[in-house]
PDB file of N, CA and C in Angstrom:
ATOM      1  N   MET A   1      -1.806   7.561  22.098  1.00  0.00           N
ATOM      2  CA  MET A   1      -0.607   8.086  21.482  1.00  0.00           C
ATOM      3  C   MET A   1       0.550   8.070  22.479  1.00  0.00           C
ATOM      4  N   ALA A   2       0.251   8.392  23.729  1.00  0.00           N
ATOM      5  CA  ALA A   2       1.298   8.390  24.750  1.00  0.00           C
ATOM      6  C   ALA A   2       1.909   7.001  24.913  1.00  0.00           C
ATOM      7  N   GLN A   3       1.070   5.982  24.828  1.00  0.00           N
ATOM      8  CA  GLN A   3       1.563   4.613  24.944  1.00  0.00           C
ATOM      9  C   GLN A   3       2.474   4.267  23.772  1.00  0.00           C
ATOM     10  N   LYS A   4       2.091   4.682  22.568  1.00  0.00           N
ATOM     11  CA  LYS A   4       2.924   4.419  21.392  1.00  0.00           C
ATOM     12  C   LYS A   4       4.272   5.124  21.503  1.00  0.00           C
ATOM     13  N   VAL A   5       4.250   6.369  21.979  1.00  0.00           N
ATOM     14  CA  VAL A   5       5.495   7.115  22.160  1.00  0.00           C
ATOM     15  C   VAL A   5       6.387   6.397  23.173  1.00  0.00           C
ATOM     16  N   ALA A   6       5.793   5.951  24.272  1.00  0.00           N
ATOM     17  CA  ALA A   6       6.547   5.251  25.311  1.00  0.00           C
ATOM     18  C   ALA A   6       7.157   3.949  24.786  1.00  0.00           C
ATOM     19  N   GLN A   7       6.447   3.270  23.892  1.00  0.00           N
ATOM     20  CA  GLN A   7       6.938   2.014  23.328  1.00  0.00           C
ATOM     21  C   GLN A   7       7.880   2.235  22.153  1.00  0.00           C
ATOM     22  N   GLY A   8       7.954   3.471  21.663  1.00  0.00           N
ATOM     23  CA  GLY A   8       8.828   3.785  20.539  1.00  0.00           C
ATOM     24  C   GLY A   8       8.258   3.388  19.190  1.00  0.00           C
ATOM     25  N   VAL A   9       6.938   3.241  19.096  1.00  0.00           N
ATOM     26  CA  VAL A   9       6.315   2.832  17.830  1.00  0.00           C
ATOM     27  C   VAL A   9       5.391   3.908  17.262  1.00  0.00           C
ATOM     28  N   ALA A  10       5.453   5.110  17.814  1.00  0.00           N
ATOM     29  CA  ALA A  10       4.586   6.194  17.339  1.00  0.00           C
ATOM     30  C   ALA A  10       4.984   6.612  15.935  1.00  0.00           C
ATOM     31  N   GLU A  11       3.980   6.910  15.115  1.00  0.00           N
ATOM     32  CA  GLU A  11       4.223   7.347  13.749  1.00  0.00           C
ATOM     33  C   GLU A  11       4.570   8.832  13.726  1.00  0.00           C
ATOM     34  N   LYS A  12       5.282   9.231  12.682  1.00  0.00           N
ATOM     35  CA  LYS A  12       5.607  10.643  12.512  1.00  0.00           C
ATOM     36  C   LYS A  12       4.331  11.441  12.270  1.00  0.00           C
ATOM     37  N   LYS A  13       4.352  12.676  12.606  1.00  0.00           N
ATOM     38  CA  LYS A  13       3.216  13.589  12.401  1.00  0.00           C
ATOM     39  C   LYS A  13       1.945  13.077  13.067  1.00  0.00           C
ATOM     40  N   ARG A  14       2.085  12.356  14.152  1.00  0.00           N
ATOM     41  CA  ARG A  14       0.941  11.803  14.900  1.00  0.00           C
ATOM     42  C   ARG A  14       0.060  10.898  14.039  1.00  0.00           C
ATOM     43  N   GLY A  15       0.652  10.223  13.064  1.00  0.00           N
ATOM     44  CA  GLY A  15      -0.075   9.287  12.225  1.00  0.00           C
ATOM     45  C   GLY A  15      -0.764   9.893  11.019  1.00  0.00           C
ATOM     46  N   ARG A  16      -0.621  11.192  10.834  1.00  0.00           N
ATOM     47  CA  ARG A  16      -1.273  11.830   9.684  1.00  0.00           C
ATOM     48  C   ARG A  16      -0.565  11.440   8.394  1.00  0.00           C
ATOM     49  N   ARG A  17      -1.347  11.229   7.384  1.00  0.00           N
ATOM     50  CA  ARG A  17      -0.817  10.855   6.067  1.00  0.00           C
ATOM     51  C   ARG A  17      -0.798  12.076   5.169  1.00  0.00           C
ATOM     52  N   GLY A  18       0.179  12.133   4.307  1.00  0.00           N
ATOM     53  CA  GLY A  18       0.283  13.239   3.372  1.00  0.00           C
ATOM     54  C   GLY A  18       0.370  12.728   1.951  1.00  0.00           C
ATOM     55  N   PRO A  19       0.628  13.621   1.019  1.00  0.00           N
ATOM     56  CA  PRO A  19       0.731  13.217  -0.389  1.00  0.00           C
ATOM     57  C   PRO A  19       1.802  12.158  -0.628  1.00  0.00           C
ATOM     58  N   GLY A  20       2.884  12.229   0.116  1.00  0.00           N
ATOM     59  CA  GLY A  20       3.949  11.240  -0.040  1.00  0.00           C
ATOM     60  C   GLY A  20       3.489   9.831   0.270  1.00  0.00           C
ATOM     61  N   SER A  21       2.615   9.694   1.246  1.00  0.00           N
ATOM     62  CA  SER A  21       2.083   8.376   1.603  1.00  0.00           C
ATOM     63  C   SER A  21       1.241   7.801   0.471  1.00  0.00           C
ATOM     64  N   VAL A  22       0.426   8.650  -0.122  1.00  0.00           N
ATOM     65  CA  VAL A  22      -0.441   8.211  -1.220  1.00  0.00           C
ATOM     66  C   VAL A  22       0.404   7.807  -2.423  1.00  0.00           C
ATOM     67  N   ILE A  23       1.366   8.634  -2.763  1.00  0.00           N
ATOM     68  CA  ILE A  23       2.232   8.349  -3.914  1.00  0.00           C
ATOM     69  C   ILE A  23       3.040   7.082  -3.672  1.00  0.00           C
ATOM     70  N   GLY A  24       3.596   6.964  -2.484  1.00  0.00           N
ATOM     71  CA  GLY A  24       4.385   5.784  -2.160  1.00  0.00           C
ATOM     72  C   GLY A  24       3.571   4.500  -2.183  1.00  0.00           C
ATOM     73  N   SER A  25       2.333   4.582  -1.747  1.00  0.00           N
ATOM     74  CA  SER A  25       1.475   3.397  -1.704  1.00  0.00           C
ATOM     75  C   SER A  25       0.971   2.971  -3.077  1.00  0.00           C
ATOM     76  N   SER A  26       0.842   3.915  -3.971  1.00  0.00           N
ATOM     77  CA  SER A  26       0.239   3.593  -5.260  1.00  0.00           C
ATOM     78  C   SER A  26       1.223   3.581  -6.423  1.00  0.00           C
ATOM     79  N   ALA A  27       2.455   3.962  -6.209  1.00  0.00           N
ATOM     80  CA  ALA A  27       3.413   4.125  -7.316  1.00  0.00           C
ATOM     81  C   ALA A  27       3.624   2.837  -8.115  1.00  0.00           C
ATOM     82  N   ALA A  28       3.900   1.742  -7.442  1.00  0.00           N
ATOM     83  CA  ALA A  28       4.183   0.490  -8.161  1.00  0.00           C
ATOM     84  C   ALA A  28       2.988   0.052  -8.994  1.00  0.00           C
ATOM     85  N   GLY A  29       1.790   0.107  -8.420  1.00  0.00           N
ATOM     86  CA  GLY A  29       0.594  -0.285  -9.158  1.00  0.00           C
ATOM     87  C   GLY A  29       0.338   0.614 -10.348  1.00  0.00           C
ATOM     88  N   CYS A  30       0.525   1.911 -10.163  1.00  0.00           N
ATOM     89  CA  CYS A  30       0.303   2.857 -11.265  1.00  0.00           C
ATOM     90  C   CYS A  30       1.310   2.656 -12.390  1.00  0.00           C
ATOM     91  N   ILE A  31       2.561   2.418 -12.028  1.00  0.00           N
ATOM     92  CA  ILE A  31       3.587   2.173 -13.056  1.00  0.00           C
ATOM     93  C   ILE A  31       3.233   0.919 -13.850  1.00  0.00           C
ATOM     94  N   CYS A  32       2.841  -0.139 -13.146  1.00  0.00           N
ATOM     95  CA  CYS A  32       2.453  -1.372 -13.839  1.00  0.00           C
ATOM     96  C   CYS A  32       1.244  -1.147 -14.741  1.00  0.00           C
ATOM     97  N   ALA A  33       0.292  -0.333 -14.291  1.00  0.00           N
ATOM     98  CA  ALA A  33      -0.885  -0.032 -15.117  1.00  0.00           C
ATOM     99  C   ALA A  33      -0.478   0.702 -16.388  1.00  0.00           C
ATOM    100  N   PHE A  34       0.370   1.706 -16.260  1.00  0.00           N
ATOM    101  CA  PHE A  34       0.819   2.451 -17.447  1.00  0.00           C
ATOM    102  C   PHE A  34       1.623   1.574 -18.394  1.00  0.00           C
ATOM    103  N   LEU A  35       2.465   0.695 -17.849  1.00  0.00           N
ATOM    104  CA  LEU A  35       3.237  -0.211 -18.698  1.00  0.00           C
ATOM    105  C   LEU A  35       2.305  -1.139 -19.480  1.00  0.00           C
ATOM    106  N   THR A  36       1.217  -1.575 -18.839  1.00  0.00           N
ATOM    107  CA  THR A  36       0.238  -2.420 -19.520  1.00  0.00           C
ATOM    108  C   THR A  36      -0.499  -1.633 -20.597  1.00  0.00           C
ATOM    109  N   ILE A  37      -0.950  -0.438 -20.251  1.00  0.00           N
ATOM    110  CA  ILE A  37      -1.709   0.395 -21.195  1.00  0.00           C
ATOM    111  C   ILE A  37      -0.899   0.681 -22.450  1.00  0.00           C
ATOM    112  N   PHE A  38       0.386   0.986 -22.262  1.00  0.00           N
ATOM    113  CA  PHE A  38       1.228   1.353 -23.407  1.00  0.00           C
ATOM    114  C   PHE A  38       1.911   0.158 -24.055  1.00  0.00           C
ATOM    115  N   GLY A  39       1.635  -1.044 -23.561  1.00  0.00           N
ATOM    116  CA  GLY A  39       2.126  -2.262 -24.192  1.00  0.00           C
ATOM    117  C   GLY A  39       3.630  -2.439 -24.142  1.00  0.00           C
ATOM    118  N   VAL A  40       4.264  -1.920 -23.107  1.00  0.00           N
ATOM    119  CA  VAL A  40       5.718  -2.037 -22.991  1.00  0.00           C
ATOM    120  C   VAL A  40       6.097  -3.501 -22.826  1.00  0.00           C
ATOM    121  N   GLY A  41       6.958  -3.994 -23.678  1.00  0.00           N
ATOM    122  CA  GLY A  41       7.419  -5.376 -23.604  1.00  0.00           C
ATOM    123  C   GLY A  41       6.563  -6.371 -24.354  1.00  0.00           C
ATOM    124  N   GLY A  42       5.508  -5.908 -24.991  1.00  0.00           N
ATOM    125  CA  GLY A  42       4.656  -6.801 -25.764  1.00  0.00           C
ATOM    126  C   GLY A  42       3.748  -7.655 -24.899  1.00  0.00           C
ATOM    127  N   GLU A  43       3.163  -8.659 -25.507  1.00  0.00           N
ATOM    128  CA  GLU A  43       2.185  -9.516 -24.833  1.00  0.00           C
ATOM    129  C   GLU A  43       2.797 -10.292 -23.670  1.00  0.00           C
ATOM    130  N   ALA A  44       4.047 -10.718 -23.827  1.00  0.00           N
ATOM    131  CA  ALA A  44       4.693 -11.496 -22.765  1.00  0.00           C
ATOM    132  C   ALA A  44       4.776 -10.698 -21.466  1.00  0.00           C
ATOM    133  N   PHE A  45       5.132  -9.430 -21.567  1.00  0.00           N
ATOM    134  CA  PHE A  45       5.268  -8.612 -20.370  1.00  0.00           C
ATOM    135  C   PHE A  45       3.936  -8.048 -19.895  1.00  0.00           C
ATOM    136  N   SER A  46       2.955  -7.999 -20.759  1.00  0.00           N
ATOM    137  CA  SER A  46       1.654  -7.472 -20.378  1.00  0.00           C
ATOM    138  C   SER A  46       1.070  -8.240 -19.203  1.00  0.00           C
ATOM    139  N   ARG A  47       1.204  -9.550 -19.234  1.00  0.00           N
ATOM    140  CA  ARG A  47       0.714 -10.371 -18.123  1.00  0.00           C
ATOM    141  C   ARG A  47       1.482 -10.074 -16.835  1.00  0.00           C
ATOM    142  N   LEU A  48       2.779  -9.852 -16.959  1.00  0.00           N
ATOM    143  CA  LEU A  48       3.601  -9.530 -15.795  1.00  0.00           C
ATOM    144  C   LEU A  48       3.181  -8.187 -15.194  1.00  0.00           C
ATOM    145  N   TRP A  49       2.941  -7.180 -16.047  1.00  0.00           N
ATOM    146  CA  TRP A  49       2.524  -5.864 -15.560  1.00  0.00           C
ATOM    147  C   TRP A  49       1.158  -5.955 -14.877  1.00  0.00           C
ATOM    148  N   ARG A  50       0.265  -6.752 -15.431  1.00  0.00           N
ATOM    149  CA  ARG A  50      -1.056  -6.923 -14.810  1.00  0.00           C
ATOM    150  C   ARG A  50      -0.930  -7.580 -13.436  1.00  0.00           C
ATOM    151  N   LEU A  51      -0.088  -8.575 -13.357  1.00  0.00           N
ATOM    152  CA  LEU A  51       0.148  -9.247 -12.079  1.00  0.00           C
ATOM    153  C   LEU A  51       0.740  -8.261 -11.066  1.00  0.00           C
ATOM    154  N   GLY A  52       1.669  -7.441 -11.511  1.00  0.00           N
ATOM    155  CA  GLY A  52       2.261  -6.433 -10.631  1.00  0.00           C
ATOM    156  C   GLY A  52       1.231  -5.443 -10.134  1.00  0.00           C
ATOM    157  N   PHE A  53       0.328  -5.031 -11.016  1.00  0.00           N
ATOM    158  CA  PHE A  53      -0.745  -4.103 -10.645  1.00  0.00           C
ATOM    159  C   PHE A  53      -1.631  -4.715  -9.565  1.00  0.00           C
ATOM    160  N   VAL A  54      -2.098  -5.922  -9.812  1.00  0.00           N
ATOM    161  CA  VAL A  54      -2.994  -6.589  -8.869  1.00  0.00           C
ATOM    162  C   VAL A  54      -2.278  -6.855  -7.544  1.00  0.00           C
ATOM    163  N   ALA A  55      -1.045  -7.327  -7.604  1.00  0.00           N
ATOM    164  CA  ALA A  55      -0.295  -7.623  -6.382  1.00  0.00           C
ATOM    165  C   ALA A  55      -0.066  -6.369  -5.551  1.00  0.00           C
ATOM    166  N   SER A  56       0.255  -5.265  -6.209  1.00  0.00           N
ATOM    167  CA  SER A  56       0.502  -4.013  -5.507  1.00  0.00           C
ATOM    168  C   SER A  56      -0.727  -3.546  -4.735  1.00  0.00           C
ATOM    169  N   PHE A  57      -1.854  -3.529  -5.406  1.00  0.00           N
ATOM    170  CA  PHE A  57      -3.054  -3.034  -4.750  1.00  0.00           C
ATOM    171  C   PHE A  57      -3.631  -4.039  -3.750  1.00  0.00           C
ATOM    172  N   CYS A  58      -3.460  -5.341  -3.981  1.00  0.00           N
ATOM    173  CA  CYS A  58      -3.898  -6.328  -2.994  1.00  0.00           C
ATOM    174  C   CYS A  58      -3.081  -6.202  -1.709  1.00  0.00           C
ATOM    175  N   THR A  59      -1.785  -5.960  -1.857  1.00  0.00           N
ATOM    176  CA  THR A  59      -0.923  -5.784  -0.694  1.00  0.00           C
ATOM    177  C   THR A  59      -1.342  -4.567   0.107  1.00  0.00           C
ATOM    178  N   LYS A  60      -1.578  -3.457  -0.566  1.00  0.00           N
ATOM    179  CA  LYS A  60      -1.982  -2.229   0.122  1.00  0.00           C
ATOM    180  C   LYS A  60      -3.355  -2.404   0.768  1.00  0.00           C
ATOM    181  N   LEU A  61      -4.278  -3.033   0.069  1.00  0.00           N
ATOM    182  CA  LEU A  61      -5.614  -3.247   0.613  1.00  0.00           C
ATOM    183  C   LEU A  61      -5.577  -4.142   1.846  1.00  0.00           C
ATOM    184  N   SER A  62      -4.794  -5.214   1.799  1.00  0.00           N
ATOM    185  CA  SER A  62      -4.723  -6.109   2.958  1.00  0.00           C
ATOM    186  C   SER A  62      -4.103  -5.401   4.157  1.00  0.00           C
ATOM    187  N   ASP A  63      -3.111  -4.552   3.922  1.00  0.00           N
ATOM    188  CA  ASP A  63      -2.499  -3.784   5.005  1.00  0.00           C
ATOM    189  C   ASP A  63      -3.514  -2.826   5.626  1.00  0.00           C
ATOM    190  N   THR A  64      -4.270  -2.143   4.787  1.00  0.00           N
ATOM    191  CA  THR A  64      -5.266  -1.187   5.271  1.00  0.00           C
ATOM    192  C   THR A  64      -6.374  -1.898   6.034  1.00  0.00           C
ATOM    193  N   VAL A  65      -6.874  -2.989   5.495  1.00  0.00           N
ATOM    194  CA  VAL A  65      -7.954  -3.731   6.151  1.00  0.00           C
ATOM    195  C   VAL A  65      -7.484  -4.270   7.498  1.00  0.00           C
ATOM    196  N   SER A  66      -6.288  -4.819   7.550  1.00  0.00           N
ATOM    197  CA  SER A  66      -5.799  -5.358   8.823  1.00  0.00           C
ATOM    198  C   SER A  66      -5.621  -4.250   9.855  1.00  0.00           C
ATOM    199  N   SER A  67      -5.191  -3.077   9.421  1.00  0.00           N
ATOM    200  CA  SER A  67      -5.061  -1.946  10.349  1.00  0.00           C
ATOM    201  C   SER A  67      -6.415  -1.518  10.892  1.00  0.00           C
ATOM    202  N   GLU A  68      -7.407  -1.488  10.023  1.00  0.00           N
ATOM    203  CA  GLU A  68      -8.749  -1.092  10.461  1.00  0.00           C
ATOM    204  C   GLU A  68      -9.347  -2.135  11.403  1.00  0.00           C
ATOM    205  N   ILE A  69      -9.129  -3.407  11.134  1.00  0.00           N
ATOM    206  CA  ILE A  69      -9.617  -4.456  12.025  1.00  0.00           C
ATOM    207  C   ILE A  69      -8.919  -4.326  13.382  1.00  0.00           C
ATOM    208  N   GLY A  70      -7.632  -4.048  13.341  1.00  0.00           N
ATOM    209  CA  GLY A  70      -6.892  -3.864  14.587  1.00  0.00           C
ATOM    210  C   GLY A  70      -7.415  -2.709  15.402  1.00  0.00           C
ATOM    211  N   LYS A  71      -7.766  -1.616  14.731  1.00  0.00           N
ATOM    212  CA  LYS A  71      -8.319  -0.465  15.441  1.00  0.00           C
ATOM    213  C   LYS A  71      -9.699  -0.781  16.015  1.00  0.00           C
ATOM    214  N   ALA A  72     -10.474  -1.541  15.276  1.00  0.00           N
ATOM    215  CA  ALA A  72     -11.852  -1.829  15.710  1.00  0.00           C
ATOM    216  C   ALA A  72     -11.886  -2.829  16.865  1.00  0.00           C
ATOM    217  N   TYR A  73     -11.047  -3.846  16.816  1.00  0.00           N
ATOM    218  CA  TYR A  73     -11.106  -4.921  17.812  1.00  0.00           C
ATOM    219  C   TYR A  73      -9.953  -4.917  18.790  1.00  0.00           C
ATOM    220  N   GLY A  74      -8.889  -4.175  18.484  1.00  0.00           N
ATOM    221  CA  GLY A  74      -7.752  -4.059  19.401  1.00  0.00           C
ATOM    222  C   GLY A  74      -6.990  -5.352  19.596  1.00  0.00           C
ATOM    223  N   LYS A  75      -6.008  -5.279  20.414  1.00  0.00           N
ATOM    224  CA  LYS A  75      -5.156  -6.399  20.790  1.00  0.00           C
ATOM    225  C   LYS A  75      -4.636  -7.170  19.584  1.00  0.00           C
ATOM    226  N   THR A  76      -4.884  -8.474  19.520  1.00  0.00           N
ATOM    227  CA  THR A  76      -4.338  -9.325  18.465  1.00  0.00           C
ATOM    228  C   THR A  76      -5.373  -9.559  17.373  1.00  0.00           C
ATOM    229  N   THR A  77      -4.997  -9.319  16.154  1.00  0.00           N
ATOM    230  CA  THR A  77      -5.930  -9.568  15.032  1.00  0.00           C
ATOM    231  C   THR A  77      -5.351 -10.614  14.097  1.00  0.00           C
TER     232      THR A  77
END
């Protein structure tokens, strides 16, 4: 943590995540899911909402996995 502070890349709250982090990470995917469930925009938009849902969660998953790999192996991943 001291090294991160010295480099100016330390996270707020010492890296702890709160409800805001969860909401921020999942909001786009959840909105797309609800739009699909309620059929907003008809069949044409249903495919778009599904794509948005998948893209949102794939992006978050890839970010999380890369962070965990970085923690496990260090340096360059």
